[in-house]
Amino acid sequence: MNPLSFLESPPITSYAIITQNKHHFRLEGPTPGARVMSGASSAFSAVFAGFGMTMWRNLPMPMRLIPIAFTAFGGGMALLEASKAAMSCAIDARPKGITLTWRWRPLPERTLEIAAKDIEELEIVSQEVGRRNELTTIVYQLTLVRKDGTAIPLESFGTKAQANLRKKAIAAVTRT
């Protein structure tokens, strides 16, 4: 499996409504809040990597493997979160179909177009994303299902009602 395969598919993030009428529904993301969270996660991960580097210099060789792992993990996470903060993406729904565009800087922009006739359903899927002390966190993901059976996750929400509102808004334009 390609570790960079996430670059080939549209990101799942939070989107802000830019245009909404009966002929066009445009969402752009990530929202400023999502960018701030990614930036904060990137900074925390960079500190984690820095901590690993200071430990790395002060230890004899056999024990350096753990700080090297800390540094590699922290640096990788810092890079990933910084790229999430700098990425841009959009969802355009029109009567002819849905166009997804995304760009992970410095890579070129990618586009995925799905014709309205190829859309089987906009489905809301619940997923358990966290578990702590017997408490779970559930997110609701709006997923586009094509007639060939492929599923493309579009956006995640904290409540099913939010996901349902977004589903109705997109379906009203594409008439699916």
C-alpha atoms as a PDB file:
ATOM      1  CA  MET A   1       0.000   0.000   0.000  1.00  0.00           C
ATOM      2  CA  ASN A   2       1.282   3.448  -0.907  1.00  0.00           C
ATOM      3  CA  PRO A   3       1.791   5.540   2.255  1.00  0.00           C
ATOM      4  CA  LEU A   4       0.965   8.700   0.290  1.00  0.00           C
ATOM      5  CA  SER A   5      -2.302   7.353  -1.149  1.00  0.00           C
ATOM      6  CA  PHE A   6      -4.242   9.942   0.888  1.00  0.00           C
ATOM      7  CA  LEU A   7      -2.968  12.564  -1.593  1.00  0.00           C
ATOM      8  CA  GLU A   8      -4.902  10.835  -4.384  1.00  0.00           C
ATOM      9  CA  SER A   9      -8.336  11.097  -2.759  1.00  0.00           C
ATOM     10  CA  PRO A  10     -10.343  14.127  -1.632  1.00  0.00           C
ATOM     11  CA  PRO A  11      -9.701  15.100   1.992  1.00  0.00           C
ATOM     12  CA  ILE A  12     -12.349  14.787   4.671  1.00  0.00           C
ATOM     13  CA  THR A  13     -12.448  18.130   6.432  1.00  0.00           C
ATOM     14  CA  SER A  14     -14.931  20.770   7.492  1.00  0.00           C
ATOM     15  CA  TYR A  15     -16.232  23.052   4.769  1.00  0.00           C
ATOM     16  CA  ALA A  16     -17.795  26.511   4.770  1.00  0.00           C
ATOM     17  CA  ILE A  17     -20.729  27.348   2.483  1.00  0.00           C
ATOM     18  CA  ILE A  18     -19.656  29.860  -0.168  1.00  0.00           C
ATOM     19  CA  THR A  19     -22.570  29.762  -2.631  1.00  0.00           C
ATOM     20  CA  GLN A  20     -26.034  28.288  -2.174  1.00  0.00           C
ATOM     21  CA  ASN A  21     -28.870  28.590  -4.666  1.00  0.00           C
ATOM     22  CA  LYS A  22     -30.970  26.203  -6.739  1.00  0.00           C
ATOM     23  CA  HIS A  23     -28.314  25.932  -9.476  1.00  0.00           C
ATOM     24  CA  HIS A  24     -25.043  25.904  -7.539  1.00  0.00           C
ATOM     25  CA  PHE A  25     -23.884  24.839  -4.081  1.00  0.00           C
ATOM     26  CA  ARG A  26     -20.208  25.497  -3.323  1.00  0.00           C
ATOM     27  CA  LEU A  27     -18.283  24.500  -0.228  1.00  0.00           C
ATOM     28  CA  GLU A  28     -14.672  25.458   0.493  1.00  0.00           C
ATOM     29  CA  GLY A  29     -12.380  24.174   3.180  1.00  0.00           C
ATOM     30  CA  PRO A  30     -10.834  23.659   5.503  1.00  0.00           C
ATOM     31  CA  THR A  31     -12.590  26.160   7.736  1.00  0.00           C
ATOM     32  CA  PRO A  32     -10.445  28.556   9.781  1.00  0.00           C
ATOM     33  CA  GLY A  33     -11.086  26.465  12.892  1.00  0.00           C
ATOM     34  CA  ALA A  34      -9.812  23.318  11.198  1.00  0.00           C
ATOM     35  CA  ARG A  35      -6.722  25.199  10.018  1.00  0.00           C
ATOM     36  CA  VAL A  36      -6.006  26.425  13.551  1.00  0.00           C
ATOM     37  CA  MET A  37      -6.372  22.897  14.962  1.00  0.00           C
ATOM     38  CA  SER A  38      -3.999  21.508  12.309  1.00  0.00           C
ATOM     39  CA  GLY A  39      -1.505  24.293  12.996  1.00  0.00           C
ATOM     40  CA  ALA A  40      -1.637  23.645  16.744  1.00  0.00           C
ATOM     41  CA  SER A  41      -1.184  19.897  16.179  1.00  0.00           C
ATOM     42  CA  SER A  42       1.767  20.637  13.910  1.00  0.00           C
ATOM     43  CA  ALA A  43       3.394  22.827  16.560  1.00  0.00           C
ATOM     44  CA  PHE A  44       2.866  20.185  19.256  1.00  0.00           C
ATOM     45  CA  SER A  45       4.340  17.499  16.995  1.00  0.00           C
ATOM     46  CA  ALA A  46       7.355  19.715  16.249  1.00  0.00           C
ATOM     47  CA  VAL A  47       7.951  20.113  19.990  1.00  0.00           C
ATOM     48  CA  PHE A  48       7.684  16.320  20.328  1.00  0.00           C
ATOM     49  CA  ALA A  49      10.320  15.927  17.584  1.00  0.00           C
ATOM     50  CA  GLY A  50      12.533  18.536  19.233  1.00  0.00           C
ATOM     51  CA  PHE A  51      12.298  16.711  22.546  1.00  0.00           C
ATOM     52  CA  GLY A  52      13.381  13.520  20.800  1.00  0.00           C
ATOM     53  CA  MET A  53      16.360  15.313  19.256  1.00  0.00           C
ATOM     54  CA  THR A  54      17.577  16.637  22.619  1.00  0.00           C
ATOM     55  CA  MET A  55      17.320  13.149  24.131  1.00  0.00           C
ATOM     56  CA  TRP A  56      19.079  11.689  21.099  1.00  0.00           C
ATOM     57  CA  ARG A  57      22.223  13.768  21.581  1.00  0.00           C
ATOM     58  CA  ASN A  58      22.604  12.911  25.270  1.00  0.00           C
ATOM     59  CA  LEU A  59      22.309   9.134  25.150  1.00  0.00           C
ATOM     60  CA  PRO A  60      24.746   6.364  24.192  1.00  0.00           C
ATOM     61  CA  MET A  61      24.121   4.554  20.903  1.00  0.00           C
ATOM     62  CA  PRO A  62      21.906   1.581  21.827  1.00  0.00           C
ATOM     63  CA  MET A  63      19.520   3.855  23.696  1.00  0.00           C
ATOM     64  CA  ARG A  64      19.368   6.402  20.852  1.00  0.00           C
ATOM     65  CA  LEU A  65      16.882   4.296  18.922  1.00  0.00           C
ATOM     66  CA  ILE A  66      13.906   5.435  21.018  1.00  0.00           C
ATOM     67  CA  PRO A  67      14.651   9.182  20.640  1.00  0.00           C
ATOM     68  CA  ILE A  68      15.278   8.616  16.919  1.00  0.00           C
ATOM     69  CA  ALA A  69      11.782   7.103  16.684  1.00  0.00           C
ATOM     70  CA  PHE A  70      10.371  10.080  18.674  1.00  0.00           C
ATOM     71  CA  THR A  71      12.064  12.501  16.280  1.00  0.00           C
ATOM     72  CA  ALA A  72      10.904  10.682  13.149  1.00  0.00           C
ATOM     73  CA  PHE A  73       7.318  10.319  14.382  1.00  0.00           C
ATOM     74  CA  GLY A  74       7.096  13.913  15.643  1.00  0.00           C
ATOM     75  CA  GLY A  75       8.630  15.309  12.463  1.00  0.00           C
ATOM     76  CA  GLY A  76       6.328  13.275  10.249  1.00  0.00           C
ATOM     77  CA  MET A  77       3.235  14.309  12.187  1.00  0.00           C
ATOM     78  CA  ALA A  78       4.344  17.971  12.177  1.00  0.00           C
ATOM     79  CA  LEU A  79       4.744  17.828   8.401  1.00  0.00           C
ATOM     80  CA  LEU A  80       1.372  16.121   7.886  1.00  0.00           C
ATOM     81  CA  GLU A  81      -0.522  18.554  10.130  1.00  0.00           C
ATOM     82  CA  ALA A  82       1.188  21.578   8.559  1.00  0.00           C
ATOM     83  CA  SER A  83       0.164  20.315   5.113  1.00  0.00           C
ATOM     84  CA  LYS A  84      -3.442  19.952   6.348  1.00  0.00           C
ATOM     85  CA  ALA A  85      -3.366  23.569   7.520  1.00  0.00           C
ATOM     86  CA  ALA A  86      -2.052  24.738   4.142  1.00  0.00           C
ATOM     87  CA  MET A  87      -4.252  22.591   1.865  1.00  0.00           C
ATOM     88  CA  SER A  88      -7.284  23.853  -0.001  1.00  0.00           C
ATOM     89  CA  CYS A  89     -10.334  21.931  -1.192  1.00  0.00           C
ATOM     90  CA  ALA A  90     -13.802  22.550  -2.562  1.00  0.00           C
ATOM     91  CA  ILE A  91     -17.035  20.752  -3.381  1.00  0.00           C
ATOM     92  CA  ASP A  92     -19.156  22.135  -6.219  1.00  0.00           C
ATOM     93  CA  ALA A  93     -22.650  20.690  -6.652  1.00  0.00           C
ATOM     94  CA  ARG A  94     -24.555  21.570  -9.812  1.00  0.00           C
ATOM     95  CA  PRO A  95     -27.473  19.919 -11.616  1.00  0.00           C
ATOM     96  CA  LYS A  96     -24.984  18.138 -13.911  1.00  0.00           C
ATOM     97  CA  GLY A  97     -23.102  16.590 -10.960  1.00  0.00           C
ATOM     98  CA  ILE A  98     -20.506  17.113  -8.253  1.00  0.00           C
ATOM     99  CA  THR A  99     -16.935  18.321  -8.717  1.00  0.00           C
ATOM    100  CA  LEU A 100     -14.375  17.793  -5.973  1.00  0.00           C
ATOM    101  CA  THR A 101     -11.113  19.744  -6.112  1.00  0.00           C
ATOM    102  CA  TRP A 102      -8.228  19.622  -3.662  1.00  0.00           C
ATOM    103  CA  ARG A 103      -4.637  20.710  -3.451  1.00  0.00           C
ATOM    104  CA  TRP A 104      -1.926  19.681  -1.034  1.00  0.00           C
ATOM    105  CA  ARG A 105       0.712  22.376  -1.461  1.00  0.00           C
ATOM    106  CA  PRO A 106       3.183  22.275  -3.278  1.00  0.00           C
ATOM    107  CA  LEU A 107       1.541  19.530  -5.392  1.00  0.00           C
ATOM    108  CA  PRO A 108      -0.739  20.437  -8.325  1.00  0.00           C
ATOM    109  CA  GLU A 109      -4.507  20.678  -7.892  1.00  0.00           C
ATOM    110  CA  ARG A 110      -6.520  17.483  -8.373  1.00  0.00           C
ATOM    111  CA  THR A 111     -10.103  17.227  -9.585  1.00  0.00           C
ATOM    112  CA  LEU A 112     -12.724  14.488  -9.434  1.00  0.00           C
ATOM    113  CA  GLU A 113     -15.979  14.934 -11.345  1.00  0.00           C
ATOM    114  CA  ILE A 114     -19.019  12.757 -10.731  1.00  0.00           C
ATOM    115  CA  ALA A 115     -21.961  13.137 -13.104  1.00  0.00           C
ATOM    116  CA  ALA A 116     -25.409  13.305 -11.493  1.00  0.00           C
ATOM    117  CA  LYS A 117     -26.453  10.179 -13.426  1.00  0.00           C
ATOM    118  CA  ASP A 118     -23.569   8.260 -11.772  1.00  0.00           C
ATOM    119  CA  ILE A 119     -24.606   9.131  -8.197  1.00  0.00           C
ATOM    120  CA  GLU A 120     -26.532   6.362  -6.478  1.00  0.00           C
ATOM    121  CA  GLU A 121     -26.928   7.945  -3.041  1.00  0.00           C
ATOM    122  CA  LEU A 122     -25.618  10.473  -0.563  1.00  0.00           C
ATOM    123  CA  GLU A 123     -25.367   8.384   2.580  1.00  0.00           C
ATOM    124  CA  ILE A 124     -24.691   9.284   6.203  1.00  0.00           C
ATOM    125  CA  VAL A 125     -22.363   6.815   7.891  1.00  0.00           C
ATOM    126  CA  SER A 126     -21.582   6.817  11.609  1.00  0.00           C
ATOM    127  CA  GLN A 127     -18.068   6.015  12.750  1.00  0.00           C
ATOM    128  CA  GLU A 128     -16.567   5.518  16.174  1.00  0.00           C
ATOM    129  CA  VAL A 129     -13.398   7.626  16.259  1.00  0.00           C
ATOM    130  CA  GLY A 130     -12.335   7.653  19.883  1.00  0.00           C
ATOM    131  CA  ARG A 131     -12.668   5.598  23.003  1.00  0.00           C
ATOM    132  CA  ARG A 132     -11.601   6.698  26.439  1.00  0.00           C
ATOM    133  CA  ASN A 133     -12.775   5.300  29.762  1.00  0.00           C
ATOM    134  CA  GLU A 134     -15.686   3.433  28.150  1.00  0.00           C
ATOM    135  CA  LEU A 135     -16.876   6.651  26.446  1.00  0.00           C
ATOM    136  CA  THR A 136     -16.891   6.721  22.672  1.00  0.00           C
ATOM    137  CA  THR A 137     -16.951   9.571  20.189  1.00  0.00           C
ATOM    138  CA  ILE A 138     -19.124   9.116  17.125  1.00  0.00           C
ATOM    139  CA  VAL A 139     -18.837  11.222  13.973  1.00  0.00           C
ATOM    140  CA  TYR A 140     -21.267  11.224  11.088  1.00  0.00           C
ATOM    141  CA  GLN A 141     -19.694  11.182   7.656  1.00  0.00           C
ATOM    142  CA  LEU A 142     -21.487  12.266   4.500  1.00  0.00           C
ATOM    143  CA  THR A 143     -20.456   9.789   1.813  1.00  0.00           C
ATOM    144  CA  LEU A 144     -21.204   9.864  -1.904  1.00  0.00           C
ATOM    145  CA  VAL A 145     -21.927   6.402  -3.308  1.00  0.00           C
ATOM    146  CA  ARG A 146     -21.562   5.906  -7.042  1.00  0.00           C
ATOM    147  CA  LYS A 147     -23.650   3.472  -9.070  1.00  0.00           C
ATOM    148  CA  ASP A 148     -20.563   1.261  -9.491  1.00  0.00           C
ATOM    149  CA  GLY A 149     -20.440   0.870  -5.688  1.00  0.00           C
ATOM    150  CA  THR A 150     -17.439   3.074  -4.910  1.00  0.00           C
ATOM    151  CA  ALA A 151     -17.829   5.317  -1.887  1.00  0.00           C
ATOM    152  CA  ILE A 152     -16.247   8.753  -1.609  1.00  0.00           C
ATOM    153  CA  PRO A 153     -16.302  10.316   1.868  1.00  0.00           C
ATOM    154  CA  LEU A 154     -17.044  14.040   1.628  1.00  0.00           C
ATOM    155  CA  GLU A 155     -17.300  15.617   5.083  1.00  0.00           C
ATOM    156  CA  SER A 156     -17.541  14.721   8.784  1.00  0.00           C
ATOM    157  CA  PHE A 157     -19.981  16.177  11.303  1.00  0.00           C
ATOM    158  CA  GLY A 158     -20.513  16.011  15.035  1.00  0.00           C
ATOM    159  CA  THR A 159     -24.235  15.319  14.730  1.00  0.00           C
ATOM    160  CA  LYS A 160     -26.441  13.393  12.336  1.00  0.00           C
ATOM    161  CA  ALA A 161     -28.696  16.439  11.885  1.00  0.00           C
ATOM    162  CA  GLN A 162     -25.774  18.497  10.530  1.00  0.00           C
ATOM    163  CA  ALA A 163     -24.887  15.738   8.080  1.00  0.00           C
ATOM    164  CA  ASN A 164     -28.525  15.455   7.027  1.00  0.00           C
ATOM    165  CA  LEU A 165     -28.767  19.207   6.363  1.00  0.00           C
ATOM    166  CA  ARG A 166     -25.677  19.076   4.127  1.00  0.00           C
ATOM    167  CA  LYS A 167     -27.058  15.997   2.345  1.00  0.00           C
ATOM    168  CA  LYS A 168     -30.359  17.780   1.630  1.00  0.00           C
ATOM    169  CA  ALA A 169     -28.560  20.896   0.346  1.00  0.00           C
ATOM    170  CA  ILE A 170     -26.403  18.915  -2.087  1.00  0.00           C
ATOM    171  CA  ALA A 171     -29.278  16.649  -3.175  1.00  0.00           C
ATOM    172  CA  ALA A 172     -31.509  19.676  -3.869  1.00  0.00           C
ATOM    173  CA  VAL A 173     -29.024  20.976  -6.440  1.00  0.00           C
ATOM    174  CA  THR A 174     -28.031  17.659  -8.044  1.00  0.00           C
ATOM    175  CA  ARG A 175     -31.581  16.306  -7.787  1.00  0.00           C
ATOM    176  CA  THR A 176     -30.401  12.905  -6.546  1.00  0.00           C
END
